[in-house]
Amino acid sequence: VIKKNGEFLQTITDAGIEVVDVDVDAFKAAAESTYDDLGYRELKDK
């Protein structure tokens, strides 16, 4: 899977999809509340 991911990405971009720059840290910070919403905070901290 890992080795073929580059091939998949090439297929996607060849088809005209534009890959955009992403602020991953901002998404991480936003998604963190999921663990509270689902009652997983204690497990996540552990």
All heavy atoms as atom14 arrays in JSON, in Angstrom:
{
  "sequence": "VIKKNGEFLQTITDAGIEVVDVDVDAFKAAAESTYDDLGYRELKDK",
  "atom14_mask": [
    [1, 1, 1, 1, 1, 1, 1, 0, 0, 0, 0, 0, 0, 0],
    [1, 1, 1, 1, 1, 1, 1, 1, 0, 0, 0, 0, 0, 0],
    [1, 1, 1, 1, 1, 1, 1, 1, 1, 0, 0, 0, 0, 0],
    [1, 1, 1, 1, 1, 1, 1, 1, 1, 0, 0, 0, 0, 0],
    [1, 1, 1, 1, 1, 1, 1, 1, 0, 0, 0, 0, 0, 0],
    [1, 1, 1, 1, 0, 0, 0, 0, 0, 0, 0, 0, 0, 0],
    [1, 1, 1, 1, 1, 1, 1, 1, 1, 0, 0, 0, 0, 0],
    [1, 1, 1, 1, 1, 1, 1, 1, 1, 1, 1, 0, 0, 0],
    [1, 1, 1, 1, 1, 1, 1, 1, 0, 0, 0, 0, 0, 0],
    [1, 1, 1, 1, 1, 1, 1, 1, 1, 0, 0, 0, 0, 0],
    [1, 1, 1, 1, 1, 1, 1, 0, 0, 0, 0, 0, 0, 0],
    [1, 1, 1, 1, 1, 1, 1, 1, 0, 0, 0, 0, 0, 0],
    [1, 1, 1, 1, 1, 1, 1, 0, 0, 0, 0, 0, 0, 0],
    [1, 1, 1, 1, 1, 1, 1, 1, 0, 0, 0, 0, 0, 0],
    [1, 1, 1, 1, 1, 0, 0, 0, 0, 0, 0, 0, 0, 0],
    [1, 1, 1, 1, 0, 0, 0, 0, 0, 0, 0, 0, 0, 0],
    [1, 1, 1, 1, 1, 1, 1, 1, 0, 0, 0, 0, 0, 0],
    [1, 1, 1, 1, 1, 1, 1, 1, 1, 0, 0, 0, 0, 0],
    [1, 1, 1, 1, 1, 1, 1, 0, 0, 0, 0, 0, 0, 0],
    [1, 1, 1, 1, 1, 1, 1, 0, 0, 0, 0, 0, 0, 0],
    [1, 1, 1, 1, 1, 1, 1, 1, 0, 0, 0, 0, 0, 0],
    [1, 1, 1, 1, 1, 1, 1, 0, 0, 0, 0, 0, 0, 0],
    [1, 1, 1, 1, 1, 1, 1, 1, 0, 0, 0, 0, 0, 0],
    [1, 1, 1, 1, 1, 1, 1, 0, 0, 0, 0, 0, 0, 0],
    [1, 1, 1, 1, 1, 1, 1, 1, 0, 0, 0, 0, 0, 0],
    [1, 1, 1, 1, 1, 0, 0, 0, 0, 0, 0, 0, 0, 0],
    [1, 1, 1, 1, 1, 1, 1, 1, 1, 1, 1, 0, 0, 0],
    [1, 1, 1, 1, 1, 1, 1, 1, 1, 0, 0, 0, 0, 0],
    [1, 1, 1, 1, 1, 0, 0, 0, 0, 0, 0, 0, 0, 0],
    [1, 1, 1, 1, 1, 0, 0, 0, 0, 0, 0, 0, 0, 0],
    [1, 1, 1, 1, 1, 0, 0, 0, 0, 0, 0, 0, 0, 0],
    [1, 1, 1, 1, 1, 1, 1, 1, 1, 0, 0, 0, 0, 0],
    [1, 1, 1, 1, 1, 1, 0, 0, 0, 0, 0, 0, 0, 0],
    [1, 1, 1, 1, 1, 1, 1, 0, 0, 0, 0, 0, 0, 0],
    [1, 1, 1, 1, 1, 1, 1, 1, 1, 1, 1, 1, 0, 0],
    [1, 1, 1, 1, 1, 1, 1, 1, 0, 0, 0, 0, 0, 0],
    [1, 1, 1, 1, 1, 1, 1, 1, 0, 0, 0, 0, 0, 0],
    [1, 1, 1, 1, 1, 1, 1, 1, 0, 0, 0, 0, 0, 0],
    [1, 1, 1, 1, 0, 0, 0, 0, 0, 0, 0, 0, 0, 0],
    [1, 1, 1, 1, 1, 1, 1, 1, 1, 1, 1, 1, 0, 0],
    [1, 1, 1, 1, 1, 1, 1, 1, 1, 1, 1, 0, 0, 0],
    [1, 1, 1, 1, 1, 1, 1, 1, 1, 0, 0, 0, 0, 0],
    [1, 1, 1, 1, 1, 1, 1, 1, 0, 0, 0, 0, 0, 0],
    [1, 1, 1, 1, 1, 1, 1, 1, 1, 0, 0, 0, 0, 0],
    [1, 1, 1, 1, 1, 1, 1, 1, 0, 0, 0, 0, 0, 0],
    [1, 1, 1, 1, 1, 1, 1, 1, 1, 0, 0, 0, 0, 0]
  ],
  "atom14_positions": [
    [[0.84, -1.2, 0.0], [0.0, 0.0, 0.0], [0.87, 1.25, 0.0], [0.64, 2.19, -0.77], [-0.94, 0.0, 1.23], [-1.63, 1.36, 1.38], [-1.98, -1.1, 1.1], [0.0, 0.0, 0.0], [0.0, 0.0, 0.0], [0.0, 0.0, 0.0], [0.0, 0.0, 0.0], [0.0, 0.0, 0.0], [0.0, 0.0, 0.0], [0.0, 0.0, 0.0]],
    [[1.87, 1.27, 0.87], [2.74, 2.44, 1.0], [3.53, 2.68, -0.3], [3.65, 3.81, -0.78], [3.69, 2.26, 2.2], [2.87, 2.29, 3.51], [4.75, 3.36, 2.23], [3.63, 1.81, 4.72], [0.0, 0.0, 0.0], [0.0, 0.0, 0.0], [0.0, 0.0, 0.0], [0.0, 0.0, 0.0], [0.0, 0.0, 0.0], [0.0, 0.0, 0.0]],
    [[4.04, 1.61, -0.87], [4.82, 1.74, -2.11], [3.97, 2.21, -3.28], [4.42, 2.95, -4.14], [5.48, 0.4, -2.45], [6.63, 0.02, -1.52], [7.16, -1.37, -1.82], [8.25, -1.77, -0.84], [8.71, -3.17, -1.04], [0.0, 0.0, 0.0], [0.0, 0.0, 0.0], [0.0, 0.0, 0.0], [0.0, 0.0, 0.0], [0.0, 0.0, 0.0]],
    [[2.71, 1.77, -3.31], [1.83, 2.11, -4.44], [1.16, 3.48, -4.28], [0.55, 3.96, -5.23], [0.76, 1.02, -4.61], [1.3, -0.29, -5.15], [0.19, -1.31, -5.33], [-0.71, -0.99, -6.49], [-0.06, -1.13, -7.79], [0.0, 0.0, 0.0], [0.0, 0.0, 0.0], [0.0, 0.0, 0.0], [0.0, 0.0, 0.0], [0.0, 0.0, 0.0]],
    [[1.28, 4.08, -3.1], [0.58, 5.35, -2.88], [1.04, 6.43, -3.87], [0.23, 7.24, -4.33], [0.79, 5.84, -1.45], [-0.13, 7.0, -1.11], [-1.35, 6.89, -1.21], [0.45, 8.13, -0.74], [0.0, 0.0, 0.0], [0.0, 0.0, 0.0], [0.0, 0.0, 0.0], [0.0, 0.0, 0.0], [0.0, 0.0, 0.0], [0.0, 0.0, 0.0]],
    [[2.32, 6.43, -4.2], [2.84, 7.38, -5.18], [2.19, 7.2, -6.53], [1.88, 8.18, -7.23], [0.0, 0.0, 0.0], [0.0, 0.0, 0.0], [0.0, 0.0, 0.0], [0.0, 0.0, 0.0], [0.0, 0.0, 0.0], [0.0, 0.0, 0.0], [0.0, 0.0, 0.0], [0.0, 0.0, 0.0], [0.0, 0.0, 0.0], [0.0, 0.0, 0.0]],
    [[1.96, 5.93, -6.92], [1.3, 5.65, -8.19], [-0.14, 6.16, -8.18], [-0.62, 6.74, -9.16], [1.29, 4.14, -8.46], [2.67, 3.52, -8.64], [2.58, 2.01, -8.82], [1.49, 1.53, -9.23], [3.57, 1.32, -8.52], [0.0, 0.0, 0.0], [0.0, 0.0, 0.0], [0.0, 0.0, 0.0], [0.0, 0.0, 0.0], [0.0, 0.0, 0.0]],
    [[-0.83, 5.94, -7.05], [-2.22, 6.41, -6.94], [-2.27, 7.93, -7.04], [-3.14, 8.5, -7.73], [-2.83, 5.95, -5.61], [-2.96, 4.46, -5.48], [-2.61, 3.83, -4.29], [-3.45, 3.7, -6.51], [-2.74, 2.45, -4.15], [-3.59, 2.32, -6.39], [-3.23, 1.7, -5.21], [0.0, 0.0, 0.0], [0.0, 0.0, 0.0], [0.0, 0.0, 0.0]],
    [[-1.35, 8.6, -6.35], [-1.32, 10.06, -6.37], [-1.05, 10.58, -7.79], [-1.66, 11.56, -8.23], [-0.26, 10.57, -5.4], [-0.21, 12.09, -5.19], [-1.56, 12.61, -4.71], [0.89, 12.45, -4.21], [0.0, 0.0, 0.0], [0.0, 0.0, 0.0], [0.0, 0.0, 0.0], [0.0, 0.0, 0.0], [0.0, 0.0, 0.0], [0.0, 0.0, 0.0]],
    [[-0.17, 9.88, -8.53], [0.13, 10.28, -9.9], [-1.1, 10.14, -10.79], [-1.4, 11.01, -11.61], [1.27, 9.42, -10.45], [1.82, 9.89, -11.8], [2.45, 11.25, -11.73], [3.33, 11.48, -10.9], [2.01, 12.17, -12.58], [0.0, 0.0, 0.0], [0.0, 0.0, 0.0], [0.0, 0.0, 0.0], [0.0, 0.0, 0.0], [0.0, 0.0, 0.0]],
    [[-1.83, 9.05, -10.61], [-3.07, 8.83, -11.37], [-4.07, 9.95, -11.11], [-4.72, 10.47, -12.03], [-3.7, 7.47, -11.0], [-2.78, 6.42, -11.32], [-5.02, 7.25, -11.73], [0.0, 0.0, 0.0], [0.0, 0.0, 0.0], [0.0, 0.0, 0.0], [0.0, 0.0, 0.0], [0.0, 0.0, 0.0], [0.0, 0.0, 0.0], [0.0, 0.0, 0.0]],
    [[-4.17, 10.33, -9.84], [-5.12, 11.37, -9.44], [-4.76, 12.71, -10.06], [-5.61, 13.42, -10.61], [-5.16, 11.47, -7.89], [-5.83, 10.22, -7.31], [-5.89, 12.74, -7.45], [-5.62, 10.04, -5.83], [0.0, 0.0, 0.0], [0.0, 0.0, 0.0], [0.0, 0.0, 0.0], [0.0, 0.0, 0.0], [0.0, 0.0, 0.0], [0.0, 0.0, 0.0]],
    [[-3.49, 13.08, -9.98], [-3.07, 14.38, -10.53], [-3.09, 14.38, -12.05], [-3.41, 15.4, -12.66], [-1.67, 14.75, -10.01], [-0.74, 13.69, -10.29], [-1.7, 15.01, -8.5], [0.0, 0.0, 0.0], [0.0, 0.0, 0.0], [0.0, 0.0, 0.0], [0.0, 0.0, 0.0], [0.0, 0.0, 0.0], [0.0, 0.0, 0.0], [0.0, 0.0, 0.0]],
    [[-2.77, 13.25, -12.67], [-2.84, 13.15, -14.13], [-4.27, 13.37, -14.63], [-4.49, 13.82, -15.76], [-2.34, 11.79, -14.61], [-0.82, 11.66, -14.53], [-0.15, 12.69, -14.31], [-0.32, 10.52, -14.68], [0.0, 0.0, 0.0], [0.0, 0.0, 0.0], [0.0, 0.0, 0.0], [0.0, 0.0, 0.0], [0.0, 0.0, 0.0], [0.0, 0.0, 0.0]],
    [[-5.22, 13.03, -13.77], [-6.63, 13.18, -14.15], [-7.12, 14.62, -13.98], [-8.27, 14.93, -14.31], [-7.49, 12.25, -13.31], [0.0, 0.0, 0.0], [0.0, 0.0, 0.0], [0.0, 0.0, 0.0], [0.0, 0.0, 0.0], [0.0, 0.0, 0.0], [0.0, 0.0, 0.0], [0.0, 0.0, 0.0], [0.0, 0.0, 0.0], [0.0, 0.0, 0.0]],
    [[-6.24, 15.48, -13.46], [-6.61, 16.89, -13.36], [-6.91, 17.4, -11.97], [-7.23, 18.58, -11.78], [0.0, 0.0, 0.0], [0.0, 0.0, 0.0], [0.0, 0.0, 0.0], [0.0, 0.0, 0.0], [0.0, 0.0, 0.0], [0.0, 0.0, 0.0], [0.0, 0.0, 0.0], [0.0, 0.0, 0.0], [0.0, 0.0, 0.0], [0.0, 0.0, 0.0]],
    [[-6.81, 16.54, -10.97], [-7.04, 16.97, -9.59], [-5.89, 17.87, -9.14], [-4.71, 17.55, -9.36], [-7.14, 15.76, -8.64], [-8.45, 15.01, -8.87], [-7.03, 16.19, -7.18], [-9.68, 15.68, -8.3], [0.0, 0.0, 0.0], [0.0, 0.0, 0.0], [0.0, 0.0, 0.0], [0.0, 0.0, 0.0], [0.0, 0.0, 0.0], [0.0, 0.0, 0.0]],
    [[-6.21, 18.98, -8.48], [-5.19, 19.88, -7.95], [-4.94, 19.56, -6.48], [-5.87, 19.52, -5.67], [-5.63, 21.33, -8.08], [-4.61, 22.33, -7.55], [-5.06, 23.77, -7.67], [-5.95, 24.05, -8.5], [-4.52, 24.62, -6.93], [0.0, 0.0, 0.0], [0.0, 0.0, 0.0], [0.0, 0.0, 0.0], [0.0, 0.0, 0.0], [0.0, 0.0, 0.0]],
    [[-3.68, 19.31, -6.13], [-3.32, 19.07, -4.73], [-3.02, 20.41, -4.08], [-2.17, 21.16, -4.54], [-2.08, 18.15, -4.63], [-1.71, 17.92, -3.16], [-2.34, 16.82, -5.33], [0.0, 0.0, 0.0], [0.0, 0.0, 0.0], [0.0, 0.0, 0.0], [0.0, 0.0, 0.0], [0.0, 0.0, 0.0], [0.0, 0.0, 0.0], [0.0, 0.0, 0.0]],
    [[-3.75, 20.73, -3.01], [-3.6, 22.03, -2.36], [-2.77, 21.9, -1.08], [-2.72, 20.84, -0.45], [-4.97, 22.66, -2.02], [-5.77, 22.9, -3.29], [-5.76, 21.75, -1.08], [0.0, 0.0, 0.0], [0.0, 0.0, 0.0], [0.0, 0.0, 0.0], [0.0, 0.0, 0.0], [0.0, 0.0, 0.0], [0.0, 0.0, 0.0], [0.0, 0.0, 0.0]],
    [[-2.09, 22.99, -0.71], [-1.32, 23.01, 0.53], [-2.29, 23.06, 1.71], [-3.26, 23.82, 1.71], [-0.41, 24.24, 0.58], [0.72, 24.15, -0.44], [1.16, 23.02, -0.72], [1.16, 25.2, -0.95], [0.0, 0.0, 0.0], [0.0, 0.0, 0.0], [0.0, 0.0, 0.0], [0.0, 0.0, 0.0], [0.0, 0.0, 0.0], [0.0, 0.0, 0.0]],
    [[-2.01, 22.24, 2.73], [-2.92, 22.1, 3.87], [-2.21, 22.48, 5.16], [-1.05, 22.1, 5.38], [-3.43, 20.64, 3.97], [-4.3, 20.46, 5.2], [-4.23, 20.27, 2.72], [0.0, 0.0, 0.0], [0.0, 0.0, 0.0], [0.0, 0.0, 0.0], [0.0, 0.0, 0.0], [0.0, 0.0, 0.0], [0.0, 0.0, 0.0], [0.0, 0.0, 0.0]],
    [[-2.94, 23.2, 6.02], [-2.45, 23.5, 7.36], [-2.83, 22.33, 8.27], [-3.86, 22.38, 8.96], [-3.06, 24.81, 7.86], [-2.48, 25.26, 9.2], [-1.76, 24.46, 9.83], [-2.75, 26.41, 9.6], [0.0, 0.0, 0.0], [0.0, 0.0, 0.0], [0.0, 0.0, 0.0], [0.0, 0.0, 0.0], [0.0, 0.0, 0.0], [0.0, 0.0, 0.0]],
    [[-2.0, 21.3, 8.25], [-2.32, 20.08, 8.99], [-2.43, 20.35, 10.48], [-3.3, 19.79, 11.17], [-1.27, 18.98, 8.71], [-1.54, 17.75, 9.57], [-1.31, 18.58, 7.23], [0.0, 0.0, 0.0], [0.0, 0.0, 0.0], [0.0, 0.0, 0.0], [0.0, 0.0, 0.0], [0.0, 0.0, 0.0], [0.0, 0.0, 0.0], [0.0, 0.0, 0.0]],
    [[-1.58, 21.19, 11.03], [-1.63, 21.49, 12.46], [-2.97, 22.09, 12.86], [-3.5, 21.8, 13.94], [-0.5, 22.46, 12.84], [0.87, 21.8, 12.81], [0.92, 20.55, 12.92], [1.88, 22.51, 12.68], [0.0, 0.0, 0.0], [0.0, 0.0, 0.0], [0.0, 0.0, 0.0], [0.0, 0.0, 0.0], [0.0, 0.0, 0.0], [0.0, 0.0, 0.0]],
    [[-3.54, 22.91, 11.99], [-4.85, 23.51, 12.28], [-5.94, 22.43, 12.3], [-6.84, 22.45, 13.15], [-5.18, 24.58, 11.25], [0.0, 0.0, 0.0], [0.0, 0.0, 0.0], [0.0, 0.0, 0.0], [0.0, 0.0, 0.0], [0.0, 0.0, 0.0], [0.0, 0.0, 0.0], [0.0, 0.0, 0.0], [0.0, 0.0, 0.0], [0.0, 0.0, 0.0]],
    [[-5.85, 21.47, 11.38], [-6.82, 20.38, 11.36], [-6.66, 19.48, 12.59], [-7.65, 19.04, 13.18], [-6.67, 19.55, 10.08], [-7.35, 20.16, 8.89], [-6.63, 20.81, 7.9], [-8.73, 20.1, 8.76], [-7.25, 21.39, 6.8], [-9.38, 20.67, 7.66], [-8.63, 21.32, 6.69], [0.0, 0.0, 0.0], [0.0, 0.0, 0.0], [0.0, 0.0, 0.0]],
    [[-5.43, 19.25, 12.99], [-5.18, 18.45, 14.21], [-5.81, 19.11, 15.43], [-6.46, 18.45, 16.25], [-3.67, 18.28, 14.44], [-3.0, 17.27, 13.54], [-1.53, 17.13, 13.92], [-0.84, 16.09, 13.05], [0.59, 15.92, 13.42], [0.0, 0.0, 0.0], [0.0, 0.0, 0.0], [0.0, 0.0, 0.0], [0.0, 0.0, 0.0], [0.0, 0.0, 0.0]],
    [[-5.6, 20.41, 15.55], [-6.13, 21.14, 16.69], [-7.66, 21.1, 16.69], [-8.3, 20.91, 17.74], [-5.64, 22.58, 16.66], [0.0, 0.0, 0.0], [0.0, 0.0, 0.0], [0.0, 0.0, 0.0], [0.0, 0.0, 0.0], [0.0, 0.0, 0.0], [0.0, 0.0, 0.0], [0.0, 0.0, 0.0], [0.0, 0.0, 0.0], [0.0, 0.0, 0.0]],
    [[-8.26, 21.25, 15.51], [-9.72, 21.25, 15.41], [-10.3, 19.88, 15.74], [-11.34, 19.76, 16.39], [-10.14, 21.67, 14.01], [0.0, 0.0, 0.0], [0.0, 0.0, 0.0], [0.0, 0.0, 0.0], [0.0, 0.0, 0.0], [0.0, 0.0, 0.0], [0.0, 0.0, 0.0], [0.0, 0.0, 0.0], [0.0, 0.0, 0.0], [0.0, 0.0, 0.0]],
    [[-9.61, 18.82, 15.29], [-10.13, 17.46, 15.46], [-9.99, 16.94, 16.88], [-10.63, 15.96, 17.26], [-9.42, 16.52, 14.49], [0.0, 0.0, 0.0], [0.0, 0.0, 0.0], [0.0, 0.0, 0.0], [0.0, 0.0, 0.0], [0.0, 0.0, 0.0], [0.0, 0.0, 0.0], [0.0, 0.0, 0.0], [0.0, 0.0, 0.0], [0.0, 0.0, 0.0]],
    [[-9.17, 17.58, 17.69], [-8.88, 17.08, 19.03], [-10.13, 16.96, 19.89], [-10.24, 16.06, 20.73], [-7.86, 17.99, 19.72], [-7.33, 17.49, 21.05], [-6.5, 16.22, 20.95], [-6.0, 15.9, 19.84], [-6.35, 15.53, 21.98], [0.0, 0.0, 0.0], [0.0, 0.0, 0.0], [0.0, 0.0, 0.0], [0.0, 0.0, 0.0], [0.0, 0.0, 0.0]],
    [[-11.1, 17.84, 19.67], [-12.32, 17.8, 20.49], [-13.13, 16.52, 20.27], [-14.01, 16.19, 21.07], [-13.2, 19.02, 20.18], [-13.64, 19.0, 18.83], [0.0, 0.0, 0.0], [0.0, 0.0, 0.0], [0.0, 0.0, 0.0], [0.0, 0.0, 0.0], [0.0, 0.0, 0.0], [0.0, 0.0, 0.0], [0.0, 0.0, 0.0], [0.0, 0.0, 0.0]],
    [[-12.85, 15.8, 19.19], [-13.55, 14.54, 18.91], [-13.4, 13.57, 20.08], [-14.35, 12.85, 20.43], [-12.99, 13.88, 17.63], [-13.07, 14.8, 16.55], [-13.76, 12.62, 17.28], [0.0, 0.0, 0.0], [0.0, 0.0, 0.0], [0.0, 0.0, 0.0], [0.0, 0.0, 0.0], [0.0, 0.0, 0.0], [0.0, 0.0, 0.0], [0.0, 0.0, 0.0]],
    [[-12.22, 13.54, 20.68], [-11.97, 12.61, 21.78], [-12.81, 12.93, 23.0], [-13.2, 12.03, 23.75], [-10.48, 12.59, 22.11], [-9.64, 12.03, 20.98], [-8.98, 12.87, 20.09], [-9.57, 10.66, 20.76], [-8.25, 12.36, 19.02], [-8.85, 10.13, 19.7], [-8.2, 10.99, 18.84], [-7.48, 10.48, 17.77], [0.0, 0.0, 0.0], [0.0, 0.0, 0.0]],
    [[-13.11, 14.22, 23.21], [-14.01, 14.61, 24.3], [-15.45, 14.24, 23.96], [-16.17, 13.7, 24.79], [-13.89, 16.12, 24.55], [-12.49, 16.54, 24.97], [-12.01, 16.03, 26.0], [-11.87, 17.33, 24.24], [0.0, 0.0, 0.0], [0.0, 0.0, 0.0], [0.0, 0.0, 0.0], [0.0, 0.0, 0.0], [0.0, 0.0, 0.0], [0.0, 0.0, 0.0]],
    [[-15.84, 14.53, 22.72], [-17.22, 14.26, 22.3], [-17.57, 12.78, 22.4], [-18.73, 12.43, 22.7], [-17.44, 14.73, 20.86], [-17.35, 16.24, 20.71], [-17.5, 16.94, 21.74], [-17.12, 16.71, 19.58], [0.0, 0.0, 0.0], [0.0, 0.0, 0.0], [0.0, 0.0, 0.0], [0.0, 0.0, 0.0], [0.0, 0.0, 0.0], [0.0, 0.0, 0.0]],
    [[-16.6, 11.91, 22.14], [-16.85, 10.47, 22.14], [-16.5, 9.79, 23.45], [-16.63, 8.57, 23.59], [-16.06, 9.81, 21.0], [-16.5, 10.19, 19.58], [-15.57, 9.58, 18.55], [-17.94, 9.75, 19.32], [0.0, 0.0, 0.0], [0.0, 0.0, 0.0], [0.0, 0.0, 0.0], [0.0, 0.0, 0.0], [0.0, 0.0, 0.0], [0.0, 0.0, 0.0]],
    [[-16.04, 10.56, 24.42], [-15.7, 9.99, 25.72], [-14.39, 9.23, 25.73], [-14.17, 8.33, 26.56], [0.0, 0.0, 0.0], [0.0, 0.0, 0.0], [0.0, 0.0, 0.0], [0.0, 0.0, 0.0], [0.0, 0.0, 0.0], [0.0, 0.0, 0.0], [0.0, 0.0, 0.0], [0.0, 0.0, 0.0], [0.0, 0.0, 0.0], [0.0, 0.0, 0.0]],
    [[-13.49, 9.61, 24.82], [-12.2, 8.93, 24.7], [-11.03, 9.73, 25.32], [-9.88, 9.35, 25.15], [-11.85, 8.69, 23.23], [-12.68, 7.64, 22.53], [-12.87, 7.68, 21.15], [-13.27, 6.59, 23.23], [-13.62, 6.72, 20.48], [-14.03, 5.63, 22.58], [-14.19, 5.7, 21.2], [-14.92, 4.73, 20.55], [0.0, 0.0, 0.0], [0.0, 0.0, 0.0]],
    [[-11.35, 10.85, 26.0], [-10.27, 11.72, 26.46], [-9.27, 11.0, 27.37], [-8.06, 11.12, 27.19], [-10.87, 12.93, 27.19], [-9.86, 13.85, 27.87], [-8.74, 14.28, 26.97], [-9.24, 14.92, 25.75], [-8.48, 15.13, 24.69], [-7.23, 14.72, 24.67], [-8.99, 15.71, 23.62], [0.0, 0.0, 0.0], [0.0, 0.0, 0.0], [0.0, 0.0, 0.0]],
    [[-9.75, 10.24, 28.33], [-8.85, 9.55, 29.25], [-7.95, 8.56, 28.52], [-6.74, 8.49, 28.78], [-9.66, 8.82, 30.33], [-8.8, 8.19, 31.43], [-9.63, 7.55, 32.52], [-10.83, 7.86, 32.65], [-9.07, 6.7, 33.25], [0.0, 0.0, 0.0], [0.0, 0.0, 0.0], [0.0, 0.0, 0.0], [0.0, 0.0, 0.0], [0.0, 0.0, 0.0]],
    [[-8.53, 7.81, 27.59], [-7.75, 6.86, 26.81], [-6.73, 7.57, 25.93], [-5.57, 7.15, 25.82], [-8.67, 6.02, 25.91], [-9.45, 4.87, 26.55], [-10.36, 4.22, 25.52], [-8.51, 3.84, 27.15], [0.0, 0.0, 0.0], [0.0, 0.0, 0.0], [0.0, 0.0, 0.0], [0.0, 0.0, 0.0], [0.0, 0.0, 0.0], [0.0, 0.0, 0.0]],
    [[-7.15, 8.67, 25.31], [-6.25, 9.43, 24.44], [-5.06, 9.97, 25.23], [-3.9, 9.88, 24.78], [-7.03, 10.59, 23.79], [-6.18, 11.56, 22.96], [-5.54, 10.9, 21.77], [-5.11, 11.9, 20.69], [-4.29, 13.01, 21.16], [0.0, 0.0, 0.0], [0.0, 0.0, 0.0], [0.0, 0.0, 0.0], [0.0, 0.0, 0.0], [0.0, 0.0, 0.0]],
    [[-5.33, 10.52, 26.41], [-4.24, 11.05, 27.23], [-3.28, 9.95, 27.67], [-2.06, 10.14, 27.73], [-4.82, 11.75, 28.47], [-5.52, 13.05, 28.12], [-5.32, 13.55, 26.98], [-6.26, 13.57, 28.97], [0.0, 0.0, 0.0], [0.0, 0.0, 0.0], [0.0, 0.0, 0.0], [0.0, 0.0, 0.0], [0.0, 0.0, 0.0], [0.0, 0.0, 0.0]],
    [[-3.83, 8.77, 27.94], [-2.99, 7.64, 28.35], [-2.09, 7.19, 27.21], [-0.91, 6.91, 27.4], [-3.88, 6.47, 28.83], [-3.1, 5.32, 29.45], [-4.03, 4.27, 30.03], [-3.24, 3.15, 30.7], [-4.14, 2.12, 31.27], [0.0, 0.0, 0.0], [0.0, 0.0, 0.0], [0.0, 0.0, 0.0], [0.0, 0.0, 0.0], [0.0, 0.0, 0.0]]
  ]
}
